[in-house]
Structures are given as C-alpha cells and as structure tokens.
C-alpha cells in the first residue's frame, strides 16, 4: 500500500465516520429550552460541539484504518476470497 493510497483511504474513512458522528448528541434550540434565532432553521443544532466530534472521528477512523491496513498488508482477505468479484487468470 503506497502512502498516497493510504492517505486517500484514510480521508474517505474519516469523512464517512464524521457524517456518521454528526447527529450524535445534537439537540435543537427547542429541545434545549431556548428560543430559535431568527433566520435559523428550527432543526438547526443548538450547540453542535464540532471539535469533540472531530477528535472522536479521528480516533474512530484511525482504528478502522488500522484494521483495514492490517487486512491489506498481511493478506488476511485477498480479492480471490470475495465471492462476487470476477475471477481472472494470474499473469506470470
């Protein structure tokens, strides 16, 4: 696995995990017991807490990437073991 490929995979994993983490613990202004600010949507988060979510996203995506990296580097699962991939003859 090259460095560029690893960085690209980590970037994709990080964004997927971020979008999965964004709705966790979000409360609207109405749920927080405060009046909504004019010009904001009623469903807008009261306090989004983005920094803790980004830190948690980095930790979780690092763990997921480490597992994926170990699988790819140590050939735990090869492409031939995935049932729906087409089979090709090996070139020697």
PDB file of N, CA and C in Angstrom:
ATOM      1  N   UNK A   1       0.853  -1.164   0.000  1.00  0.00           N
ATOM      2  CA  UNK A   1       0.000   0.000   0.000  1.00  0.00           C
ATOM      3  C   UNK A   1       0.906   1.236   0.000  1.00  0.00           C
ATOM      4  N   UNK A   2       0.727   2.058  -1.004  1.00  0.00           N
ATOM      5  CA  UNK A   2       1.542   3.267  -1.083  1.00  0.00           C
ATOM      6  C   UNK A   2       1.016   4.330  -0.114  1.00  0.00           C
ATOM      7  N   UNK A   3       1.846   5.321   0.135  1.00  0.00           N
ATOM      8  CA  UNK A   3       1.463   6.387   1.059  1.00  0.00           C
ATOM      9  C   UNK A   3       0.274   7.180   0.518  1.00  0.00           C
ATOM     10  N   UNK A   4       0.260   7.443  -0.774  1.00  0.00           N
ATOM     11  CA  UNK A   4      -0.845   8.205  -1.369  1.00  0.00           C
ATOM     12  C   UNK A   4      -2.155   7.423  -1.277  1.00  0.00           C
ATOM     13  N   UNK A   5      -2.098   6.113  -1.533  1.00  0.00           N
ATOM     14  CA  UNK A   5      -3.294   5.272  -1.440  1.00  0.00           C
ATOM     15  C   UNK A   5      -3.785   5.210   0.002  1.00  0.00           C
ATOM     16  N   UNK A   6      -2.863   5.072   0.948  1.00  0.00           N
ATOM     17  CA  UNK A   6      -3.238   5.024   2.365  1.00  0.00           C
ATOM     18  C   UNK A   6      -3.871   6.341   2.801  1.00  0.00           C
ATOM     19  N   UNK A   7      -3.313   7.462   2.357  1.00  0.00           N
ATOM     20  CA  UNK A   7      -3.874   8.767   2.711  1.00  0.00           C
ATOM     21  C   UNK A   7      -5.270   8.948   2.117  1.00  0.00           C
ATOM     22  N   UNK A   8      -5.457   8.500   0.883  1.00  0.00           N
ATOM     23  CA  UNK A   8      -6.770   8.615   0.242  1.00  0.00           C
ATOM     24  C   UNK A   8      -7.806   7.753   0.962  1.00  0.00           C
ATOM     25  N   UNK A   9      -7.439   6.539   1.324  1.00  0.00           N
ATOM     26  CA  UNK A   9      -8.361   5.652   2.041  1.00  0.00           C
ATOM     27  C   UNK A   9      -8.690   6.234   3.413  1.00  0.00           C
ATOM     28  N   UNK A  10      -7.689   6.758   4.122  1.00  0.00           N
ATOM     29  CA  UNK A  10      -7.933   7.360   5.434  1.00  0.00           C
ATOM     30  C   UNK A  10      -8.867   8.563   5.305  1.00  0.00           C
ATOM     31  N   UNK A  11      -8.663   9.374   4.284  1.00  0.00           N
ATOM     32  CA  UNK A  11      -9.510  10.544   4.043  1.00  0.00           C
ATOM     33  C   UNK A  11     -10.967  10.132   3.832  1.00  0.00           C
ATOM     34  N   UNK A  12     -11.192   9.114   3.040  1.00  0.00           N
ATOM     35  CA  UNK A  12     -12.558   8.633   2.777  1.00  0.00           C
ATOM     36  C   UNK A  12     -13.173   8.070   4.057  1.00  0.00           C
ATOM     37  N   UNK A  13     -12.413   7.257   4.789  1.00  0.00           N
ATOM     38  CA  UNK A  13     -12.913   6.696   6.047  1.00  0.00           C
ATOM     39  C   UNK A  13     -13.238   7.814   7.030  1.00  0.00           C
ATOM     40  N   UNK A  14     -12.388   8.831   7.115  1.00  0.00           N
ATOM     41  CA  UNK A  14     -12.603   9.931   8.055  1.00  0.00           C
ATOM     42  C   UNK A  14     -13.907  10.658   7.761  1.00  0.00           C
ATOM     43  N   UNK A  15     -14.180  10.948   6.485  1.00  0.00           N
ATOM     44  CA  UNK A  15     -15.410  11.658   6.137  1.00  0.00           C
ATOM     45  C   UNK A  15     -16.644  10.807   6.393  1.00  0.00           C
ATOM     46  N   UNK A  16     -16.576   9.519   6.096  1.00  0.00           N
ATOM     47  CA  UNK A  16     -17.717   8.645   6.352  1.00  0.00           C
ATOM     48  C   UNK A  16     -18.012   8.591   7.849  1.00  0.00           C
ATOM     49  N   UNK A  17     -16.978   8.443   8.659  1.00  0.00           N
ATOM     50  CA  UNK A  17     -17.167   8.394  10.107  1.00  0.00           C
ATOM     51  C   UNK A  17     -17.663   9.741  10.630  1.00  0.00           C
ATOM     52  N   UNK A  18     -17.167  10.851  10.074  1.00  0.00           N
ATOM     53  CA  UNK A  18     -17.640  12.175  10.505  1.00  0.00           C
ATOM     54  C   UNK A  18     -19.135  12.318  10.266  1.00  0.00           C
ATOM     55  N   UNK A  19     -19.600  11.933   9.084  1.00  0.00           N
ATOM     56  CA  UNK A  19     -21.030  12.062   8.802  1.00  0.00           C
ATOM     57  C   UNK A  19     -21.861  11.105   9.652  1.00  0.00           C
ATOM     58  N   UNK A  20     -21.284  10.012  10.089  1.00  0.00           N
ATOM     59  CA  UNK A  20     -21.994   9.119  11.000  1.00  0.00           C
ATOM     60  C   UNK A  20     -22.031   9.693  12.413  1.00  0.00           C
ATOM     61  N   UNK A  21     -21.012  10.460  12.799  1.00  0.00           N
ATOM     62  CA  UNK A  21     -20.925  11.018  14.152  1.00  0.00           C
ATOM     63  C   UNK A  21     -21.671  12.340  14.322  1.00  0.00           C
ATOM     64  N   UNK A  22     -21.905  13.076  13.261  1.00  0.00           N
ATOM     65  CA  UNK A  22     -22.511  14.403  13.380  1.00  0.00           C
ATOM     66  C   UNK A  22     -23.860  14.415  14.102  1.00  0.00           C
ATOM     67  N   UNK A  23     -24.764  13.483  13.860  1.00  0.00           N
ATOM     68  CA  UNK A  23     -26.052  13.579  14.545  1.00  0.00           C
ATOM     69  C   UNK A  23     -26.044  13.115  16.003  1.00  0.00           C
ATOM     70  N   UNK A  24     -24.953  12.571  16.484  1.00  0.00           N
ATOM     71  CA  UNK A  24     -24.907  12.051  17.854  1.00  0.00           C
ATOM     72  C   UNK A  24     -24.924  13.209  18.846  1.00  0.00           C
ATOM     73  N   UNK A  25     -25.901  13.184  19.750  1.00  0.00           N
ATOM     74  CA  UNK A  25     -25.982  14.173  20.820  1.00  0.00           C
ATOM     75  C   UNK A  25     -26.437  15.552  20.401  1.00  0.00           C
ATOM     76  N   UNK A  26     -26.996  15.700  19.218  1.00  0.00           N
ATOM     77  CA  UNK A  26     -27.425  17.011  18.742  1.00  0.00           C
ATOM     78  C   UNK A  26     -28.825  17.305  19.281  1.00  0.00           C
ATOM     79  N   UNK A  27     -28.984  18.519  19.786  1.00  0.00           N
ATOM     80  CA  UNK A  27     -30.285  18.977  20.269  1.00  0.00           C
ATOM     81  C   UNK A  27     -30.609  20.290  19.588  1.00  0.00           C
ATOM     82  N   UNK A  28     -31.876  20.473  19.228  1.00  0.00           N
ATOM     83  CA  UNK A  28     -32.306  21.731  18.637  1.00  0.00           C
ATOM     84  C   UNK A  28     -32.498  22.762  19.744  1.00  0.00           C
ATOM     85  N   UNK A  29     -32.699  24.007  19.353  1.00  0.00           N
ATOM     86  CA  UNK A  29     -32.924  25.068  20.349  1.00  0.00           C
ATOM     87  C   UNK A  29     -34.192  24.792  21.146  1.00  0.00           C
ATOM     88  N   UNK A  30     -35.203  24.266  20.473  1.00  0.00           N
ATOM     89  CA  UNK A  30     -36.462  23.951  21.155  1.00  0.00           C
ATOM     90  C   UNK A  30     -36.250  22.861  22.207  1.00  0.00           C
ATOM     91  N   UNK A  31     -35.469  21.836  21.862  1.00  0.00           N
ATOM     92  CA  UNK A  31     -35.185  20.761  22.819  1.00  0.00           C
ATOM     93  C   UNK A  31     -34.321  21.259  23.977  1.00  0.00           C
ATOM     94  N   UNK A  32     -33.484  22.259  23.713  1.00  0.00           N
ATOM     95  CA  UNK A  32     -32.632  22.823  24.756  1.00  0.00           C
ATOM     96  C   UNK A  32     -33.390  23.825  25.617  1.00  0.00           C
ATOM     97  N   UNK A  33     -34.636  24.150  25.233  1.00  0.00           N
ATOM     98  CA  UNK A  33     -35.446  25.058  26.029  1.00  0.00           C
ATOM     99  C   UNK A  33     -35.191  26.516  25.746  1.00  0.00           C
ATOM    100  N   UNK A  34     -34.650  26.831  24.584  1.00  0.00           N
ATOM    101  CA  UNK A  34     -34.387  28.227  24.230  1.00  0.00           C
ATOM    102  C   UNK A  34     -35.133  28.580  22.958  1.00  0.00           C
ATOM    103  N   UNK A  35     -35.272  29.872  22.744  1.00  0.00           N
ATOM    104  CA  UNK A  35     -35.971  30.368  21.567  1.00  0.00           C
ATOM    105  C   UNK A  35     -35.045  30.299  20.357  1.00  0.00           C
ATOM    106  N   UNK A  36     -35.615  29.959  19.206  1.00  0.00           N
ATOM    107  CA  UNK A  36     -34.796  29.892  17.995  1.00  0.00           C
ATOM    108  C   UNK A  36     -34.427  31.288  17.531  1.00  0.00           C
ATOM    109  N   UNK A  37     -33.242  31.415  17.004  1.00  0.00           N
ATOM    110  CA  UNK A  37     -32.759  32.689  16.484  1.00  0.00           C
ATOM    111  C   UNK A  37     -33.411  32.949  15.130  1.00  0.00           C
ATOM    112  N   UNK A  38     -33.895  34.162  14.883  1.00  0.00           N
ATOM    113  CA  UNK A  38     -34.486  34.448  13.570  1.00  0.00           C
ATOM    114  C   UNK A  38     -33.465  34.230  12.453  1.00  0.00           C
ATOM    115  N   UNK A  39     -33.927  33.579  11.407  1.00  0.00           N
ATOM    116  CA  UNK A  39     -33.053  33.297  10.266  1.00  0.00           C
ATOM    117  C   UNK A  39     -32.451  31.906  10.299  1.00  0.00           C
ATOM    118  N   UNK A  40     -32.562  31.221  11.410  1.00  0.00           N
ATOM    119  CA  UNK A  40     -32.058  29.848  11.509  1.00  0.00           C
ATOM    120  C   UNK A  40     -33.208  28.864  11.348  1.00  0.00           C
ATOM    121  N   UNK A  41     -32.911  27.716  10.815  1.00  0.00           N
ATOM    122  CA  UNK A  41     -33.921  26.669  10.701  1.00  0.00           C
ATOM    123  C   UNK A  41     -34.259  26.138  12.087  1.00  0.00           C
ATOM    124  N   UNK A  42     -35.491  25.687  12.261  1.00  0.00           N
ATOM    125  CA  UNK A  42     -35.892  25.153  13.556  1.00  0.00           C
ATOM    126  C   UNK A  42     -35.131  23.871  13.893  1.00  0.00           C
ATOM    127  N   UNK A  43     -34.667  23.181  12.865  1.00  0.00           N
ATOM    128  CA  UNK A  43     -33.953  21.918  13.084  1.00  0.00           C
ATOM    129  C   UNK A  43     -32.447  22.108  13.245  1.00  0.00           C
ATOM    130  N   UNK A  44     -31.976  23.346  13.225  1.00  0.00           N
ATOM    131  CA  UNK A  44     -30.539  23.607  13.370  1.00  0.00           C
ATOM    132  C   UNK A  44     -30.086  23.239  14.788  1.00  0.00           C
ATOM    133  N   UNK A  45     -28.898  22.661  14.918  1.00  0.00           N
ATOM    134  CA  UNK A  45     -28.424  22.290  16.253  1.00  0.00           C
ATOM    135  C   UNK A  45     -28.187  23.522  17.127  1.00  0.00           C
ATOM    136  N   UNK A  46     -28.521  23.389  18.396  1.00  0.00           N
ATOM    137  CA  UNK A  46     -28.328  24.492  19.340  1.00  0.00           C
ATOM    138  C   UNK A  46     -26.832  24.720  19.572  1.00  0.00           C
ATOM    139  N   UNK A  47     -26.118  23.681  19.976  1.00  0.00           N
ATOM    140  CA  UNK A  47     -24.660  23.722  20.143  1.00  0.00           C
ATOM    141  C   UNK A  47     -24.115  22.468  19.455  1.00  0.00           C
ATOM    142  N   UNK A  48     -23.486  22.615  18.279  1.00  0.00           N
ATOM    143  CA  UNK A  48     -23.080  21.424  17.531  1.00  0.00           C
ATOM    144  C   UNK A  48     -21.886  20.664  18.112  1.00  0.00           C
ATOM    145  N   UNK A  49     -21.032  21.308  18.932  1.00  0.00           N
ATOM    146  CA  UNK A  49     -19.848  20.655  19.514  1.00  0.00           C
ATOM    147  C   UNK A  49     -19.008  19.950  18.450  1.00  0.00           C
ATOM    148  N   UNK A  50     -18.536  20.695  17.484  1.00  0.00           N
ATOM    149  CA  UNK A  50     -17.795  20.097  16.372  1.00  0.00           C
ATOM    150  C   UNK A  50     -16.398  19.613  16.757  1.00  0.00           C
ATOM    151  N   UNK A  51     -15.701  20.321  17.614  1.00  0.00           N
ATOM    152  CA  UNK A  51     -14.335  19.907  17.959  1.00  0.00           C
ATOM    153  C   UNK A  51     -14.292  18.536  18.630  1.00  0.00           C
ATOM    154  N   UNK A  52     -15.120  18.252  19.641  1.00  0.00           N
ATOM    155  CA  UNK A  52     -15.102  16.902  20.210  1.00  0.00           C
ATOM    156  C   UNK A  52     -15.512  15.830  19.200  1.00  0.00           C
ATOM    157  N   UNK A  53     -16.415  16.180  18.299  1.00  0.00           N
ATOM    158  CA  UNK A  53     -16.829  15.213  17.276  1.00  0.00           C
ATOM    159  C   UNK A  53     -15.701  14.951  16.286  1.00  0.00           C
ATOM    160  N   UNK A  54     -14.925  15.974  15.967  1.00  0.00           N
ATOM    161  CA  UNK A  54     -13.802  15.778  15.050  1.00  0.00           C
ATOM    162  C   UNK A  54     -12.699  14.949  15.705  1.00  0.00           C
ATOM    163  N   UNK A  55     -12.475  15.148  16.985  1.00  0.00           N
ATOM    164  CA  UNK A  55     -11.479  14.342  17.708  1.00  0.00           C
ATOM    165  C   UNK A  55     -11.942  12.894  17.770  1.00  0.00           C
ATOM    166  N   UNK A  56     -13.213  12.673  18.099  1.00  0.00           N
ATOM    167  CA  UNK A  56     -13.749  11.313  18.149  1.00  0.00           C
ATOM    168  C   UNK A  56     -13.718  10.665  16.772  1.00  0.00           C
ATOM    169  N   UNK A  57     -13.996  11.450  15.737  1.00  0.00           N
ATOM    170  CA  UNK A  57     -13.938  10.949  14.366  1.00  0.00           C
ATOM    171  C   UNK A  57     -12.523  10.514  14.010  1.00  0.00           C
ATOM    172  N   UNK A  58     -11.541  11.296  14.408  1.00  0.00           N
ATOM    173  CA  UNK A  58     -10.147  10.944  14.129  1.00  0.00           C
ATOM    174  C   UNK A  58      -9.751   9.659  14.840  1.00  0.00           C
ATOM    175  N   UNK A  59     -10.168   9.496  16.080  1.00  0.00           N
ATOM    176  CA  UNK A  59      -9.834   8.283  16.834  1.00  0.00           C
ATOM    177  C   UNK A  59     -10.494   7.052  16.206  1.00  0.00           C
ATOM    178  N   UNK A  60     -11.796   7.154  15.928  1.00  0.00           N
ATOM    179  CA  UNK A  60     -12.527   6.015  15.369  1.00  0.00           C
ATOM    180  C   UNK A  60     -12.016   5.675  13.975  1.00  0.00           C
ATOM    181  N   UNK A  61     -11.793   6.680  13.139  1.00  0.00           N
ATOM    182  CA  UNK A  61     -11.316   6.390  11.784  1.00  0.00           C
ATOM    183  C   UNK A  61      -9.886   5.846  11.792  1.00  0.00           C
ATOM    184  N   UNK A  62      -9.072   6.237  12.765  1.00  0.00           N
ATOM    185  CA  UNK A  62      -7.726   5.660  12.882  1.00  0.00           C
ATOM    186  C   UNK A  62      -7.794   4.184  13.230  1.00  0.00           C
ATOM    187  N   UNK A  63      -8.719   3.819  14.102  1.00  0.00           N
ATOM    188  CA  UNK A  63      -8.891   2.404  14.464  1.00  0.00           C
ATOM    189  C   UNK A  63      -9.387   1.600  13.261  1.00  0.00           C
ATOM    190  N   UNK A  64     -10.369   2.145  12.546  1.00  0.00           N
ATOM    191  CA  UNK A  64     -10.893   1.459  11.357  1.00  0.00           C
ATOM    192  C   UNK A  64      -9.802   1.337  10.301  1.00  0.00           C
ATOM    193  N   UNK A  65      -9.030   2.403  10.087  1.00  0.00           N
ATOM    194  CA  UNK A  65      -7.961   2.360   9.090  1.00  0.00           C
ATOM    195  C   UNK A  65      -6.872   1.370   9.492  1.00  0.00           C
ATOM    196  N   UNK A  66      -6.541   1.308  10.770  1.00  0.00           N
ATOM    197  CA  UNK A  66      -5.516   0.352  11.220  1.00  0.00           C
ATOM    198  C   UNK A  66      -5.956  -1.080  10.952  1.00  0.00           C
ATOM    199  N   UNK A  67      -7.232  -1.370  11.182  1.00  0.00           N
ATOM    200  CA  UNK A  67      -7.749  -2.700  10.875  1.00  0.00           C
ATOM    201  C   UNK A  67      -7.708  -2.995   9.395  1.00  0.00           C
ATOM    202  N   UNK A  68      -8.122  -2.033   8.583  1.00  0.00           N
ATOM    203  CA  UNK A  68      -8.090  -2.214   7.132  1.00  0.00           C
ATOM    204  C   UNK A  68      -6.664  -2.353   6.624  1.00  0.00           C
ATOM    205  N   UNK A  69      -5.761  -1.559   7.168  1.00  0.00           N
ATOM    206  CA  UNK A  69      -4.350  -1.636   6.778  1.00  0.00           C
ATOM    207  C   UNK A  69      -3.767  -3.017   7.101  1.00  0.00           C
ATOM    208  N   UNK A  70      -4.085  -3.530   8.283  1.00  0.00           N
ATOM    209  CA  UNK A  70      -3.587  -4.853   8.663  1.00  0.00           C
ATOM    210  C   UNK A  70      -4.136  -5.933   7.735  1.00  0.00           C
ATOM    211  N   UNK A  71      -5.401  -5.812   7.369  1.00  0.00           N
ATOM    212  CA  UNK A  71      -6.000  -6.794   6.459  1.00  0.00           C
ATOM    213  C   UNK A  71      -5.332  -6.747   5.096  1.00  0.00           C
ATOM    214  N   UNK A  72      -5.070  -5.549   4.584  1.00  0.00           N
ATOM    215  CA  UNK A  72      -4.483  -5.416   3.247  1.00  0.00           C
ATOM    216  C   UNK A  72      -3.012  -5.841   3.242  1.00  0.00           C
ATOM    217  N   UNK A  73      -2.245  -5.400   4.215  1.00  0.00           N
ATOM    218  CA  UNK A  73      -0.805  -5.668   4.220  1.00  0.00           C
ATOM    219  C   UNK A  73      -0.504  -7.133   4.516  1.00  0.00           C
ATOM    220  N   UNK A  74      -1.244  -7.724   5.439  1.00  0.00           N
ATOM    221  CA  UNK A  74      -0.977  -9.114   5.824  1.00  0.00           C
ATOM    222  C   UNK A  74      -1.801 -10.127   5.028  1.00  0.00           C
ATOM    223  N   UNK A  75      -2.513  -9.668   4.004  1.00  0.00           N
ATOM    224  CA  UNK A  75      -3.286 -10.521   3.103  1.00  0.00           C
ATOM    225  C   UNK A  75      -4.244 -11.438   3.858  1.00  0.00           C
ATOM    226  N   UNK A  76      -4.930 -10.894   4.854  1.00  0.00           N
ATOM    227  CA  UNK A  76      -5.921 -11.673   5.591  1.00  0.00           C
ATOM    228  C   UNK A  76      -7.068 -12.041   4.670  1.00  0.00           C
ATOM    229  N   UNK A  77      -7.515 -11.088   3.875  1.00  0.00           N
ATOM    230  CA  UNK A  77      -8.553 -11.328   2.874  1.00  0.00           C
ATOM    231  C   UNK A  77      -7.977 -10.900   1.529  1.00  0.00           C
ATOM    232  N   UNK A  78      -7.965 -11.810   0.583  1.00  0.00           N
ATOM    233  CA  UNK A  78      -7.495 -11.474  -0.755  1.00  0.00           C
ATOM    234  C   UNK A  78      -8.700 -11.237  -1.659  1.00  0.00           C
ATOM    235  N   UNK A  79      -8.461 -10.664  -2.813  1.00  0.00           N
ATOM    236  CA  UNK A  79      -9.553 -10.410  -3.743  1.00  0.00           C
ATOM    237  C   UNK A  79     -10.181 -11.706  -4.241  1.00  0.00           C
ATOM    238  N   UNK A  80      -9.413 -12.789  -4.302  1.00  0.00           N
ATOM    239  CA  UNK A  80      -9.951 -14.066  -4.750  1.00  0.00           C
ATOM    240  C   UNK A  80     -10.943 -14.656  -3.750  1.00  0.00           C
ATOM    241  N   UNK A  81     -10.902 -14.224  -2.502  1.00  0.00           N
ATOM    242  CA  UNK A  81     -11.812 -14.754  -1.494  1.00  0.00           C
ATOM    243  C   UNK A  81     -13.148 -14.009  -1.455  1.00  0.00           C
ATOM    244  N   UNK A  82     -13.270 -12.916  -2.176  1.00  0.00           N
ATOM    245  CA  UNK A  82     -14.527 -12.172  -2.216  1.00  0.00           C
ATOM    246  C   UNK A  82     -15.391 -12.808  -3.298  1.00  0.00           C
ATOM    247  N   UNK A  83     -16.562 -13.340  -2.940  1.00  0.00           N
ATOM    248  CA  UNK A  83     -17.316 -14.181  -3.862  1.00  0.00           C
ATOM    249  C   UNK A  83     -17.870 -13.486  -5.104  1.00  0.00           C
ATOM    250  N   UNK A  84     -18.211 -12.206  -5.045  1.00  0.00           N
ATOM    251  CA  UNK A  84     -18.850 -11.575  -6.197  1.00  0.00           C
ATOM    252  C   UNK A  84     -17.865 -10.905  -7.142  1.00  0.00           C
ATOM    253  N   UNK A  85     -16.563 -10.935  -6.856  1.00  0.00           N
ATOM    254  CA  UNK A  85     -15.575 -10.392  -7.772  1.00  0.00           C
ATOM    255  C   UNK A  85     -15.315 -11.391  -8.899  1.00  0.00           C
ATOM    256  N   UNK A  86     -15.088 -10.909 -10.122  1.00  0.00           N
ATOM    257  CA  UNK A  86     -14.791 -11.830 -11.207  1.00  0.00           C
ATOM    258  C   UNK A  86     -13.431 -12.499 -11.026  1.00  0.00           C
ATOM    259  N   UNK A  87     -13.301 -13.684 -11.550  1.00  0.00           N
ATOM    260  CA  UNK A  87     -12.039 -14.437 -11.463  1.00  0.00           C
ATOM    261  C   UNK A  87     -11.217 -14.203 -12.734  1.00  0.00           C
ATOM    262  N   UNK A  88      -9.974 -13.900 -12.550  1.00  0.00           N
ATOM    263  CA  UNK A  88      -9.057 -13.690 -13.665  1.00  0.00           C
ATOM    264  C   UNK A  88      -7.873 -14.643 -13.486  1.00  0.00           C
ATOM    265  N   UNK A  89      -7.306 -15.045 -14.604  1.00  0.00           N
ATOM    266  CA  UNK A  89      -6.109 -15.880 -14.540  1.00  0.00           C
ATOM    267  C   UNK A  89      -4.923 -15.006 -14.147  1.00  0.00           C
ATOM    268  N   UNK A  90      -4.046 -15.590 -13.338  1.00  0.00           N
ATOM    269  CA  UNK A  90      -2.865 -14.855 -12.909  1.00  0.00           C
ATOM    270  C   UNK A  90      -1.841 -14.781 -14.033  1.00  0.00           C
ATOM    271  N   UNK A  91      -1.227 -13.628 -14.177  1.00  0.00           N
ATOM    272  CA  UNK A  91      -0.204 -13.420 -15.184  1.00  0.00           C
ATOM    273  C   UNK A  91       1.154 -13.643 -14.520  1.00  0.00           C
ATOM    274  N   UNK A  92       1.970 -14.463 -15.159  1.00  0.00           N
ATOM    275  CA  UNK A  92       3.282 -14.745 -14.562  1.00  0.00           C
ATOM    276  C   UNK A  92       4.394 -14.180 -15.392  1.00  0.00           C
TER     277      UNK A  92
END
